Each structure stands twice: as C-alpha cells, then as structure tokens.
Amino acid sequence: MHPVLQNPERVIRRHLRKVMLIGGLSSAVLGCGSDDSTGPQLQDVVGTWHATKAQVTSLVEAPFVATIDIVASGGTLQVVLNANHTYSSTVTFPGEAPETSSGTYTQTATTLSLINDQNSGGDVIVFDVALSNGTLLLTNGIITFDFGSGEVASKLDLTLVH
C-alpha cells in the first residue's frame, strides 16, 4: 500500500508548510462581495478568512492519483488579507505547532495570484476565482506536493468563508 494511504496524517504534517502557504494565502481571499462579472473588489477580500476545504490532488496518475483535504484531516487555515496587498497566514495541524507565512497578492476579475515573499524563488500560485452565496472558491491552483514518494504536480482547490 502507498505511504499516503497508510498514514495520510504523517504525510500532511511533513508537507504542511508548503500547503500552508498555498492554502493560507488562498483563504485570505474569501469575500462577501456580489456575484457580478467584475469579480471580488479589494474591499470584498480584505479581512480574516478561514478555509472549510483545502484539497490537494495529484495531477500524476502513476502509481495512483492521490487527494488530501487538509481541513477534513483536522487542520486549519487562517489568512489575513490586507488592503495594501500583503497577507499573512497560519496553518495548524493537530498536535503540531502553528506554521506561518507571508507575502503579497494580486487579483483580477477572474484570478487571484499569491506570491510567497519568504523564499528567494517568490513562488506564485494562480487560482481561478468565483464567488457564490458568500463563499469564495479558489480552484485550479497548480503547485508541487509530496504525497510520500517525491514532489509531483498537483492541483489545489480551496473553499473559504469570512
């Protein structure tokens, strides 16, 4: 049996920092704005946001397609999105110390880009953005994630509430 299926919590803890950056940054973007064609405005996304779903799915089929939901596994993601386009995020997994990250973000009517300022590479994750019934959906964010046998291309989908 693959290591992720045997002990998904161990794998999640081991890779929580990477997921925290992605998930945490994304959670900050949930807004209470309207569902119009202009997308969320700055005033709609500024504030503290919490993820109700933070799902990572491998895009590589071999040896299997893996999916992990950080929140369903008992973790939390909180993000503070500031009006000056900076953010801070905190991810906590049961039994682990909180992990923090910070950076900047940009947004258009259809995308939200998160930039990690804590490393020299300045990792950028671009999400599709949709508002529905006061819930922000950030989908199709392409990342790399280690499910237990090395990093693979993966997709991150987030559901966020204020």
C-alpha atoms as a PDB file:
ATOM      1  CA  MET A   1       0.000   0.000   0.000  1.00  0.00           C
ATOM      2  CA  HIS A   2       1.256   3.508  -0.831  1.00  0.00           C
ATOM      3  CA  PRO A   3       2.558   5.581   2.134  1.00  0.00           C
ATOM      4  CA  VAL A   4      -0.176   8.234   1.744  1.00  0.00           C
ATOM      5  CA  LEU A   5      -2.893   5.602   2.070  1.00  0.00           C
ATOM      6  CA  GLN A   6      -1.163   4.016   5.066  1.00  0.00           C
ATOM      7  CA  ASN A   7      -0.667   7.207   7.057  1.00  0.00           C
ATOM      8  CA  PRO A   8      -2.072  10.376   5.411  1.00  0.00           C
ATOM      9  CA  GLU A   9      -1.676  12.475   8.588  1.00  0.00           C
ATOM     10  CA  ARG A  10       2.101  11.856   8.644  1.00  0.00           C
ATOM     11  CA  VAL A  11       2.401  12.930   5.022  1.00  0.00           C
ATOM     12  CA  ILE A  12       0.262  16.009   5.614  1.00  0.00           C
ATOM     13  CA  ARG A  13       2.328  17.075   8.621  1.00  0.00           C
ATOM     14  CA  ARG A  14       5.547  16.559   6.690  1.00  0.00           C
ATOM     15  CA  HIS A  15       4.356  18.803   3.907  1.00  0.00           C
ATOM     16  CA  LEU A  16       2.195  21.194   5.872  1.00  0.00           C
ATOM     17  CA  ARG A  17       4.455  24.196   5.312  1.00  0.00           C
ATOM     18  CA  LYS A  18       4.002  24.071   1.532  1.00  0.00           C
ATOM     19  CA  VAL A  19       0.273  23.529   1.831  1.00  0.00           C
ATOM     20  CA  MET A  20       0.042  26.239   4.472  1.00  0.00           C
ATOM     21  CA  LEU A  21       1.486  28.785   2.084  1.00  0.00           C
ATOM     22  CA  ILE A  22      -0.896  27.871  -0.635  1.00  0.00           C
ATOM     23  CA  GLY A  23      -3.944  27.224   1.459  1.00  0.00           C
ATOM     24  CA  GLY A  24      -3.317  30.012   3.877  1.00  0.00           C
ATOM     25  CA  LEU A  25      -2.789  32.619   1.254  1.00  0.00           C
ATOM     26  CA  SER A  26      -5.822  31.491  -0.571  1.00  0.00           C
ATOM     27  CA  SER A  27      -8.062  31.518   2.420  1.00  0.00           C
ATOM     28  CA  ALA A  28      -7.425  35.199   2.791  1.00  0.00           C
ATOM     29  CA  VAL A  29      -9.208  35.913  -0.402  1.00  0.00           C
ATOM     30  CA  LEU A  30     -12.697  34.876   0.563  1.00  0.00           C
ATOM     31  CA  GLY A  31     -15.021  37.798   0.261  1.00  0.00           C
ATOM     32  CA  CYS A  32     -18.561  38.763   0.962  1.00  0.00           C
ATOM     33  CA  GLY A  33     -18.909  40.563  -2.345  1.00  0.00           C
ATOM     34  CA  SER A  34     -21.522  40.164  -5.003  1.00  0.00           C
ATOM     35  CA  ASP A  35     -21.541  37.580  -7.763  1.00  0.00           C
ATOM     36  CA  ASP A  36     -21.163  40.057 -10.615  1.00  0.00           C
ATOM     37  CA  SER A  37     -18.915  39.902 -13.680  1.00  0.00           C
ATOM     38  CA  THR A  38     -16.361  42.288 -12.198  1.00  0.00           C
ATOM     39  CA  GLY A  39     -15.298  39.727  -9.605  1.00  0.00           C
ATOM     40  CA  PRO A  40     -14.421  40.491  -5.994  1.00  0.00           C
ATOM     41  CA  GLN A  41     -13.242  44.013  -5.258  1.00  0.00           C
ATOM     42  CA  LEU A  42     -10.444  44.843  -2.803  1.00  0.00           C
ATOM     43  CA  GLN A  43     -12.925  45.777  -0.073  1.00  0.00           C
ATOM     44  CA  ASP A  44     -14.597  42.358  -0.550  1.00  0.00           C
ATOM     45  CA  VAL A  45     -11.448  40.380   0.207  1.00  0.00           C
ATOM     46  CA  VAL A  46      -9.696  42.369   2.918  1.00  0.00           C
ATOM     47  CA  GLY A  47     -10.010  40.721   6.325  1.00  0.00           C
ATOM     48  CA  THR A  48      -9.533  37.411   8.117  1.00  0.00           C
ATOM     49  CA  TRP A  49     -10.613  34.253   6.257  1.00  0.00           C
ATOM     50  CA  HIS A  50     -10.940  30.575   7.166  1.00  0.00           C
ATOM     51  CA  ALA A  51     -10.780  27.554   4.860  1.00  0.00           C
ATOM     52  CA  THR A  52     -13.563  24.996   5.055  1.00  0.00           C
ATOM     53  CA  LYS A  53     -11.809  22.909   2.396  1.00  0.00           C
ATOM     54  CA  ALA A  54      -8.165  22.774   1.275  1.00  0.00           C
ATOM     55  CA  GLN A  55      -7.897  19.869  -1.157  1.00  0.00           C
ATOM     56  CA  VAL A  56      -4.660  18.860  -2.886  1.00  0.00           C
ATOM     57  CA  THR A  57      -4.965  16.392  -5.805  1.00  0.00           C
ATOM     58  CA  SER A  58      -2.019  14.922  -7.672  1.00  0.00           C
ATOM     59  CA  LEU A  59      -2.005  15.501 -11.424  1.00  0.00           C
ATOM     60  CA  VAL A  60       0.223  12.478 -11.986  1.00  0.00           C
ATOM     61  CA  GLU A  61      -1.533   9.132 -12.438  1.00  0.00           C
ATOM     62  CA  ALA A  62       1.366   6.811 -11.683  1.00  0.00           C
ATOM     63  CA  PRO A  63       1.316   4.970  -9.373  1.00  0.00           C
ATOM     64  CA  PHE A  64      -2.112   6.433  -8.391  1.00  0.00           C
ATOM     65  CA  VAL A  65      -3.974   9.700  -8.099  1.00  0.00           C
ATOM     66  CA  ALA A  66      -3.802  10.971  -4.518  1.00  0.00           C
ATOM     67  CA  THR A  67      -6.090  13.502  -2.828  1.00  0.00           C
ATOM     68  CA  ILE A  68      -5.736  15.030   0.630  1.00  0.00           C
ATOM     69  CA  ASP A  69      -8.020  17.584   2.265  1.00  0.00           C
ATOM     70  CA  ILE A  70      -6.082  19.427   4.955  1.00  0.00           C
ATOM     71  CA  VAL A  71      -9.195  20.706   6.743  1.00  0.00           C
ATOM     72  CA  ALA A  72     -11.025  17.355   6.660  1.00  0.00           C
ATOM     73  CA  SER A  73      -7.907  15.825   8.228  1.00  0.00           C
ATOM     74  CA  GLY A  74      -8.260  18.137  11.240  1.00  0.00           C
ATOM     75  CA  GLY A  75      -6.071  21.039  10.130  1.00  0.00           C
ATOM     76  CA  THR A  76      -6.971  24.724   9.997  1.00  0.00           C
ATOM     77  CA  LEU A  77      -6.014  27.536   7.653  1.00  0.00           C
ATOM     78  CA  GLN A  78      -6.411  31.207   8.528  1.00  0.00           C
ATOM     79  CA  VAL A  79      -5.338  34.138   6.386  1.00  0.00           C
ATOM     80  CA  VAL A  80      -5.307  37.874   6.968  1.00  0.00           C
ATOM     81  CA  LEU A  81      -5.531  39.791   3.709  1.00  0.00           C
ATOM     82  CA  ASN A  82      -4.556  43.452   3.991  1.00  0.00           C
ATOM     83  CA  ALA A  83      -5.674  46.423   1.883  1.00  0.00           C
ATOM     84  CA  ASN A  84      -2.045  47.059   0.829  1.00  0.00           C
ATOM     85  CA  HIS A  85      -1.995  43.655  -0.985  1.00  0.00           C
ATOM     86  CA  THR A  86       0.054  41.883   1.687  1.00  0.00           C
ATOM     87  CA  TYR A  87      -1.051  38.827   3.597  1.00  0.00           C
ATOM     88  CA  SER A  88      -0.119  36.613   6.499  1.00  0.00           C
ATOM     89  CA  SER A  89      -1.313  33.048   7.027  1.00  0.00           C
ATOM     90  CA  THR A  90      -1.322  30.480   9.788  1.00  0.00           C
ATOM     91  CA  VAL A  91      -1.823  26.747   9.363  1.00  0.00           C
ATOM     92  CA  THR A  92      -2.272  24.449  12.318  1.00  0.00           C
ATOM     93  CA  PHE A  93      -2.410  20.664  12.209  1.00  0.00           C
ATOM     94  CA  PRO A  94      -3.497  18.674  15.292  1.00  0.00           C
ATOM     95  CA  GLY A  95      -0.547  18.096  17.603  1.00  0.00           C
ATOM     96  CA  GLU A  96       1.743  20.418  15.637  1.00  0.00           C
ATOM     97  CA  ALA A  97       2.940  23.973  16.237  1.00  0.00           C
ATOM     98  CA  PRO A  98       1.308  26.625  14.020  1.00  0.00           C
ATOM     99  CA  GLU A  99       3.147  27.407  10.774  1.00  0.00           C
ATOM    100  CA  THR A 100       3.130  30.952   9.413  1.00  0.00           C
ATOM    101  CA  SER A 101       3.900  32.556   6.075  1.00  0.00           C
ATOM    102  CA  SER A 102       3.550  35.957   4.449  1.00  0.00           C
ATOM    103  CA  GLY A 103       3.720  37.597   1.052  1.00  0.00           C
ATOM    104  CA  THR A 104       1.746  39.648  -1.417  1.00  0.00           C
ATOM    105  CA  TYR A 105      -1.227  39.028  -3.691  1.00  0.00           C
ATOM    106  CA  THR A 106      -2.685  40.370  -6.914  1.00  0.00           C
ATOM    107  CA  GLN A 107      -6.184  39.908  -8.248  1.00  0.00           C
ATOM    108  CA  THR A 108      -8.209  40.361 -11.401  1.00  0.00           C
ATOM    109  CA  ALA A 109     -11.899  39.699 -12.031  1.00  0.00           C
ATOM    110  CA  THR A 110     -11.163  36.018 -12.710  1.00  0.00           C
ATOM    111  CA  THR A 111      -7.877  35.159 -10.979  1.00  0.00           C
ATOM    112  CA  LEU A 112      -6.067  35.546  -7.693  1.00  0.00           C
ATOM    113  CA  SER A 113      -2.275  35.225  -7.619  1.00  0.00           C
ATOM    114  CA  LEU A 114      -0.448  34.524  -4.374  1.00  0.00           C
ATOM    115  CA  ILE A 115       3.254  35.375  -4.082  1.00  0.00           C
ATOM    116  CA  ASN A 116       5.322  33.882  -1.260  1.00  0.00           C
ATOM    117  CA  ASP A 117       7.855  36.502  -0.156  1.00  0.00           C
ATOM    118  CA  GLN A 118       9.584  34.138   2.287  1.00  0.00           C
ATOM    119  CA  ASN A 119      11.822  32.418  -0.223  1.00  0.00           C
ATOM    120  CA  SER A 120      14.173  33.575  -2.943  1.00  0.00           C
ATOM    121  CA  GLY A 121      12.068  31.949  -5.676  1.00  0.00           C
ATOM    122  CA  GLY A 122       8.973  34.025  -4.945  1.00  0.00           C
ATOM    123  CA  ASP A 123       6.614  31.098  -5.610  1.00  0.00           C
ATOM    124  CA  VAL A 124       3.467  32.229  -7.440  1.00  0.00           C
ATOM    125  CA  ILE A 125       0.196  30.288  -7.431  1.00  0.00           C
ATOM    126  CA  VAL A 126      -2.578  31.459  -9.751  1.00  0.00           C
ATOM    127  CA  PHE A 127      -6.152  30.421  -8.893  1.00  0.00           C
ATOM    128  CA  ASP A 128      -9.441  30.741 -10.758  1.00  0.00           C
ATOM    129  CA  VAL A 129     -11.774  32.788  -8.535  1.00  0.00           C
ATOM    130  CA  ALA A 130     -15.546  32.540  -8.106  1.00  0.00           C
ATOM    131  CA  LEU A 131     -17.926  33.992  -5.521  1.00  0.00           C
ATOM    132  CA  SER A 132     -21.111  32.057  -4.784  1.00  0.00           C
ATOM    133  CA  ASN A 133     -23.507  32.691  -1.900  1.00  0.00           C
ATOM    134  CA  GLY A 134     -20.843  34.459   0.183  1.00  0.00           C
ATOM    135  CA  THR A 135     -18.284  31.681  -0.348  1.00  0.00           C
ATOM    136  CA  LEU A 136     -15.106  32.203  -2.307  1.00  0.00           C
ATOM    137  CA  LEU A 137     -13.888  29.302  -4.418  1.00  0.00           C
ATOM    138  CA  LEU A 138     -10.222  29.308  -5.409  1.00  0.00           C
ATOM    139  CA  THR A 139      -9.647  26.491  -7.860  1.00  0.00           C
ATOM    140  CA  ASN A 140      -7.041  25.023 -10.169  1.00  0.00           C
ATOM    141  CA  GLY A 141      -4.008  26.425  -8.350  1.00  0.00           C
ATOM    142  CA  ILE A 142      -1.039  24.442  -9.689  1.00  0.00           C
ATOM    143  CA  ILE A 143       1.574  23.518  -7.086  1.00  0.00           C
ATOM    144  CA  THR A 144       4.069  20.759  -6.366  1.00  0.00           C
ATOM    145  CA  PHE A 145       3.281  18.492  -3.438  1.00  0.00           C
ATOM    146  CA  ASP A 146       4.915  15.410  -1.939  1.00  0.00           C
ATOM    147  CA  PHE A 147       2.359  12.690  -1.248  1.00  0.00           C
ATOM    148  CA  GLY A 148       5.098  10.444   0.126  1.00  0.00           C
ATOM    149  CA  SER A 149       7.188   9.431  -2.854  1.00  0.00           C
ATOM    150  CA  GLY A 150       8.587  12.754  -4.064  1.00  0.00           C
ATOM    151  CA  GLU A 151       7.070  16.009  -5.269  1.00  0.00           C
ATOM    152  CA  VAL A 152       4.563  15.830  -8.118  1.00  0.00           C
ATOM    153  CA  ALA A 153       2.485  18.383  -9.976  1.00  0.00           C
ATOM    154  CA  SER A 154      -0.745  18.883  -8.042  1.00  0.00           C
ATOM    155  CA  LYS A 155      -3.887  20.991  -8.040  1.00  0.00           C
ATOM    156  CA  LEU A 156      -5.088  22.959  -5.014  1.00  0.00           C
ATOM    157  CA  ASP A 157      -8.793  23.787  -4.560  1.00  0.00           C
ATOM    158  CA  LEU A 158      -9.975  25.941  -1.659  1.00  0.00           C
ATOM    159  CA  THR A 159     -13.347  26.859  -0.221  1.00  0.00           C
ATOM    160  CA  LEU A 160     -13.191  29.931   2.020  1.00  0.00           C
ATOM    161  CA  VAL A 161     -15.519  31.757   4.370  1.00  0.00           C
ATOM    162  CA  HIS A 162     -15.241  35.028   6.262  1.00  0.00           C
END
